[in-house]
N, C-alpha and C. Protein backbone atom coordinates (compact mmCIF):
# COMPACT_ATOMS: atom_id res chain seq x y z
N MET A 1 16.74 24.57 -1.18
CA MET A 1 15.97 25.70 -1.69
C MET A 1 15.56 25.39 -3.13
N LEU A 2 14.31 25.60 -3.40
CA LEU A 2 13.78 25.45 -4.74
C LEU A 2 13.89 26.79 -5.45
N VAL A 3 14.48 26.82 -6.63
CA VAL A 3 14.62 28.05 -7.41
C VAL A 3 13.79 27.90 -8.68
N LEU A 4 12.90 28.84 -8.91
CA LEU A 4 12.02 28.81 -10.08
C LEU A 4 12.17 30.09 -10.89
N LYS A 5 11.95 29.97 -12.17
CA LYS A 5 11.88 31.15 -13.03
C LYS A 5 10.42 31.40 -13.36
N ARG A 6 9.99 32.62 -13.23
CA ARG A 6 8.63 33.01 -13.56
C ARG A 6 8.69 34.30 -14.36
N ARG A 7 7.74 34.48 -15.21
CA ARG A 7 7.61 35.71 -15.99
C ARG A 7 6.50 36.57 -15.38
N ILE A 8 6.41 37.81 -15.83
CA ILE A 8 5.35 38.70 -15.36
C ILE A 8 4.00 38.04 -15.61
N ASN A 9 3.13 38.15 -14.61
CA ASN A 9 1.78 37.58 -14.60
C ASN A 9 1.76 36.06 -14.42
N GLN A 10 2.90 35.43 -14.17
CA GLN A 10 2.91 34.01 -13.84
C GLN A 10 2.93 33.87 -12.32
N SER A 11 2.46 32.73 -11.84
CA SER A 11 2.31 32.52 -10.41
C SER A 11 2.82 31.14 -10.00
N ILE A 12 3.00 31.00 -8.68
CA ILE A 12 3.23 29.69 -8.07
C ILE A 12 2.32 29.61 -6.85
N MET A 13 2.02 28.41 -6.42
CA MET A 13 1.24 28.19 -5.22
C MET A 13 2.16 27.66 -4.13
N ILE A 14 2.07 28.24 -2.95
CA ILE A 14 2.78 27.75 -1.78
C ILE A 14 1.69 27.43 -0.76
N GLY A 15 1.39 26.17 -0.62
CA GLY A 15 0.23 25.78 0.19
C GLY A 15 -1.01 26.38 -0.44
N SER A 16 -1.76 27.16 0.33
CA SER A 16 -2.96 27.80 -0.20
C SER A 16 -2.72 29.26 -0.60
N ALA A 17 -1.45 29.68 -0.61
CA ALA A 17 -1.10 31.05 -1.00
C ALA A 17 -0.61 31.08 -2.45
N LYS A 18 -1.14 32.02 -3.20
CA LYS A 18 -0.74 32.22 -4.59
C LYS A 18 0.22 33.40 -4.65
N VAL A 19 1.43 33.19 -5.19
CA VAL A 19 2.44 34.23 -5.30
C VAL A 19 2.61 34.53 -6.80
N SER A 20 2.36 35.79 -7.18
CA SER A 20 2.42 36.19 -8.58
C SER A 20 3.49 37.24 -8.80
N VAL A 21 4.15 37.17 -9.96
CA VAL A 21 5.10 38.21 -10.35
C VAL A 21 4.29 39.31 -11.02
N CYS A 22 4.30 40.50 -10.41
CA CYS A 22 3.51 41.62 -10.93
C CYS A 22 4.33 42.52 -11.84
N ARG A 23 5.59 42.76 -11.45
CA ARG A 23 6.41 43.69 -12.22
C ARG A 23 7.87 43.40 -11.95
N VAL A 24 8.70 43.62 -12.97
CA VAL A 24 10.15 43.55 -12.83
C VAL A 24 10.70 44.83 -13.41
N LYS A 25 11.44 45.59 -12.58
CA LYS A 25 12.01 46.85 -13.04
C LYS A 25 13.40 46.97 -12.46
N GLY A 26 14.40 46.96 -13.31
CA GLY A 26 15.78 46.98 -12.84
C GLY A 26 16.04 45.73 -12.02
N GLY A 27 16.55 45.90 -10.83
CA GLY A 27 16.82 44.77 -9.96
C GLY A 27 15.72 44.51 -8.96
N VAL A 28 14.52 45.07 -9.18
CA VAL A 28 13.43 44.94 -8.22
C VAL A 28 12.29 44.13 -8.83
N VAL A 29 11.85 43.14 -8.09
CA VAL A 29 10.71 42.31 -8.50
C VAL A 29 9.56 42.63 -7.56
N THR A 30 8.39 42.95 -8.11
CA THR A 30 7.21 43.20 -7.31
C THR A 30 6.34 41.95 -7.34
N LEU A 31 6.04 41.42 -6.14
CA LEU A 31 5.24 40.22 -6.02
C LEU A 31 3.87 40.55 -5.46
N GLY A 32 2.88 39.82 -5.91
CA GLY A 32 1.54 39.89 -5.33
C GLY A 32 1.28 38.57 -4.62
N ILE A 33 0.71 38.64 -3.43
CA ILE A 33 0.45 37.43 -2.66
C ILE A 33 -1.03 37.40 -2.31
N ASP A 34 -1.69 36.34 -2.73
CA ASP A 34 -3.10 36.14 -2.42
C ASP A 34 -3.18 34.93 -1.50
N ALA A 35 -3.55 35.18 -0.24
CA ALA A 35 -3.56 34.11 0.76
C ALA A 35 -4.75 34.28 1.68
N PRO A 36 -5.18 33.18 2.30
CA PRO A 36 -6.26 33.28 3.29
C PRO A 36 -5.85 34.19 4.45
N ASN A 37 -6.83 34.77 5.12
CA ASN A 37 -6.57 35.71 6.22
C ASN A 37 -5.82 35.08 7.38
N ASP A 38 -5.90 33.75 7.54
CA ASP A 38 -5.25 33.12 8.68
C ASP A 38 -3.76 32.86 8.44
N ILE A 39 -3.25 33.22 7.28
CA ILE A 39 -1.83 33.06 6.98
C ILE A 39 -1.14 34.42 7.17
N THR A 40 -0.11 34.44 8.03
CA THR A 40 0.65 35.66 8.27
C THR A 40 1.77 35.75 7.24
N ILE A 41 1.88 36.90 6.59
CA ILE A 41 2.92 37.13 5.59
C ILE A 41 3.76 38.30 6.07
N MET A 42 5.07 38.03 6.26
CA MET A 42 5.98 39.08 6.72
C MET A 42 7.28 39.02 5.94
N ARG A 43 7.88 40.18 5.72
CA ARG A 43 9.19 40.23 5.08
C ARG A 43 10.23 39.71 6.06
N THR A 44 11.25 39.01 5.55
CA THR A 44 12.26 38.42 6.43
C THR A 44 13.01 39.48 7.22
N GLU A 45 13.27 40.66 6.65
CA GLU A 45 14.01 41.67 7.39
C GLU A 45 13.22 42.19 8.59
N ILE A 46 11.89 42.16 8.52
CA ILE A 46 11.06 42.55 9.65
C ILE A 46 11.16 41.49 10.75
N ILE A 47 11.07 40.22 10.38
CA ILE A 47 11.19 39.13 11.35
C ILE A 47 12.56 39.16 12.02
N GLU A 48 13.61 39.34 11.24
CA GLU A 48 14.97 39.40 11.80
C GLU A 48 15.12 40.59 12.75
N GLY A 49 14.54 41.72 12.42
CA GLY A 49 14.59 42.89 13.29
C GLY A 49 13.86 42.63 14.60
N GLN A 50 12.71 41.97 14.53
CA GLN A 50 11.97 41.63 15.74
C GLN A 50 12.78 40.68 16.62
N GLN A 51 13.45 39.72 15.99
CA GLN A 51 14.26 38.77 16.75
C GLN A 51 15.43 39.47 17.44
N ARG A 52 16.08 40.42 16.74
CA ARG A 52 17.17 41.18 17.35
C ARG A 52 16.66 42.00 18.53
N LEU A 53 15.50 42.63 18.36
CA LEU A 53 14.91 43.42 19.43
C LEU A 53 14.57 42.54 20.64
N GLU A 54 14.01 41.37 20.39
CA GLU A 54 13.68 40.45 21.48
C GLU A 54 14.94 40.01 22.23
N ARG A 55 16.04 39.74 21.49
CA ARG A 55 17.30 39.36 22.14
C ARG A 55 17.84 40.52 22.98
N LEU A 56 17.75 41.74 22.45
CA LEU A 56 18.21 42.92 23.19
C LEU A 56 17.41 43.10 24.47
N ILE A 57 16.09 42.95 24.38
CA ILE A 57 15.24 43.08 25.56
C ILE A 57 15.58 41.99 26.57
N ASP A 58 15.76 40.76 26.11
CA ASP A 58 16.15 39.66 27.01
C ASP A 58 17.48 39.96 27.70
N ASP A 59 18.45 40.48 26.94
CA ASP A 59 19.75 40.83 27.52
C ASP A 59 19.61 41.93 28.58
N LEU A 60 18.78 42.94 28.29
CA LEU A 60 18.57 44.02 29.25
C LEU A 60 17.90 43.51 30.52
N ILE A 61 16.93 42.62 30.37
CA ILE A 61 16.26 42.05 31.53
C ILE A 61 17.24 41.19 32.33
N TRP A 62 18.04 40.39 31.62
CA TRP A 62 18.99 39.49 32.28
C TRP A 62 20.06 40.26 33.04
N THR A 63 20.55 41.36 32.46
CA THR A 63 21.63 42.13 33.09
C THR A 63 21.09 43.23 34.01
N GLY A 64 19.79 43.38 34.08
CA GLY A 64 19.21 44.43 34.90
C GLY A 64 19.40 45.81 34.29
N GLY A 65 19.61 45.87 32.96
CA GLY A 65 19.78 47.14 32.26
C GLY A 65 21.19 47.66 32.27
N LYS A 66 22.13 46.90 32.86
CA LYS A 66 23.52 47.35 32.91
C LYS A 66 24.22 47.04 31.60
N SER A 67 25.02 47.97 31.14
CA SER A 67 25.75 47.83 29.88
C SER A 67 27.19 47.46 30.15
N ASP A 68 27.82 46.75 29.19
CA ASP A 68 29.26 46.42 29.30
C ASP A 68 30.12 47.63 29.02
N ALA A 69 29.58 48.64 28.34
CA ALA A 69 30.37 49.82 27.96
C ALA A 69 30.54 50.78 29.09
């Protein structure tokens, strides 16, 4: 993992996406992301939630909807 320090209004480039620090307040950092439309940007907690839901659906399909409880 690469760890960088940036100040407000400073940016980094990740491929063709520009990530800028917009605001820092308390323990919260607000980022701005400028990227081409063909790049999907998602928060990791959303991706993890989708993966959990997909596993749950797969389990329900595999067990025929029967629960262990």
